């Protein structure tokens, strides 16, 4: 059952890196660190584009997978130690 822990750790590392990259790809929505570097100057013409909506969906899916990996790894540790 040790292979399950290695699988979860590998999946957790992959989703962590992917989630970080997806979050960095998002456009700044105002007041924060992104507007400090000139991100707040741009205007939104028609709201969100299709690419931004897809980026939101991908980020949400990867975030759910990341969260599920953390919960599964916690359950695995709990059962392995008892």
Protein backbone atom coordinates (compact mmCIF):
# COMPACT_ATOMS: atom_id res chain seq x y z
CA UNK A 1 0.00 0.00 0.00
CA UNK A 2 3.08 2.20 0.01
CA UNK A 3 2.64 2.81 -3.73
CA UNK A 4 -0.58 4.68 -2.91
CA UNK A 5 1.34 7.20 -0.80
CA UNK A 6 3.91 7.70 -3.55
CA UNK A 7 1.12 8.18 -6.07
CA UNK A 8 -0.57 10.77 -3.85
CA UNK A 9 2.67 12.64 -3.24
CA UNK A 10 3.48 12.73 -6.95
CA UNK A 11 -0.04 13.89 -7.80
CA UNK A 12 0.14 16.49 -5.04
CA UNK A 13 3.41 17.90 -6.36
CA UNK A 14 2.12 18.02 -9.93
CA UNK A 15 -1.16 19.68 -8.97
CA UNK A 16 0.63 22.15 -6.68
CA UNK A 17 2.89 23.35 -9.48
CA UNK A 18 0.02 23.41 -11.97
CA UNK A 19 -2.23 25.30 -9.56
CA UNK A 20 0.48 27.88 -8.94
CA UNK A 21 0.97 28.42 -12.67
CA UNK A 22 -2.78 28.65 -13.33
CA UNK A 23 -3.24 31.21 -10.55
CA UNK A 24 -0.37 33.30 -11.90
CA UNK A 25 -1.99 33.30 -15.35
CA UNK A 26 -5.13 35.04 -14.05
CA UNK A 27 -5.60 38.70 -14.76
CA UNK A 28 -5.60 41.02 -11.78
CA UNK A 29 -9.04 42.31 -10.85
CA UNK A 30 -7.94 45.47 -9.12
CA UNK A 31 -6.38 46.68 -5.88
CA UNK A 32 -3.68 44.19 -4.85
CA UNK A 33 -0.24 43.20 -5.83
CA UNK A 34 -1.09 43.07 -9.56
CA UNK A 35 -2.25 46.69 -9.66
CA UNK A 36 0.96 47.72 -7.95
CA UNK A 37 2.92 46.68 -11.02
CA UNK A 38 0.60 48.29 -13.57
CA UNK A 39 -2.09 45.61 -13.79
CA UNK A 40 -4.80 47.97 -12.62
CA UNK A 41 -4.36 50.32 -15.58
CA UNK A 42 -6.01 48.01 -18.13
CA UNK A 43 -9.75 48.19 -18.64
CA UNK A 44 -12.17 45.39 -19.27
CA UNK A 45 -14.06 45.86 -22.52
CA UNK A 46 -16.65 43.10 -22.43
CA UNK A 47 -16.18 41.34 -19.12
CA UNK A 48 -14.63 37.90 -19.14
CA UNK A 49 -13.53 36.27 -22.36
CA UNK A 50 -13.89 32.59 -23.16
CA UNK A 51 -10.23 32.00 -22.41
CA UNK A 52 -10.59 33.53 -18.95
CA UNK A 53 -13.68 31.43 -18.22
CA UNK A 54 -11.84 28.29 -19.29
CA UNK A 55 -8.86 29.31 -17.15
CA UNK A 56 -11.24 29.70 -14.20
CA UNK A 57 -12.66 26.22 -14.83
CA UNK A 58 -9.22 24.63 -15.12
CA UNK A 59 -8.08 26.35 -11.94
CA UNK A 60 -11.16 25.11 -10.10
CA UNK A 61 -10.72 21.52 -11.31
CA UNK A 62 -7.02 21.44 -10.40
CA UNK A 63 -7.84 23.00 -7.02
CA UNK A 64 -10.43 20.32 -6.27
CA UNK A 65 -7.98 17.57 -7.28
CA UNK A 66 -5.30 19.18 -5.08
CA UNK A 67 -7.69 19.33 -2.12
CA UNK A 68 -8.78 15.71 -2.65
CA UNK A 69 -5.12 14.62 -2.68
CA UNK A 70 -4.50 16.36 0.63
CA UNK A 71 -7.57 14.79 2.24
CA UNK A 72 -6.72 11.32 0.86
CA UNK A 73 -3.12 11.63 2.04
CA UNK A 74 -4.35 12.63 5.51
CA UNK A 75 -6.64 9.59 5.64
CA UNK A 76 -3.81 7.38 4.44
CA UNK A 77 -1.48 8.65 7.15
CA UNK A 78 -4.18 8.17 9.77
CA UNK A 79 -4.81 4.56 8.73
CA UNK A 80 -1.12 3.75 8.27
CA UNK A 81 -0.17 4.91 11.75
CA UNK A 82 -2.98 3.08 13.53
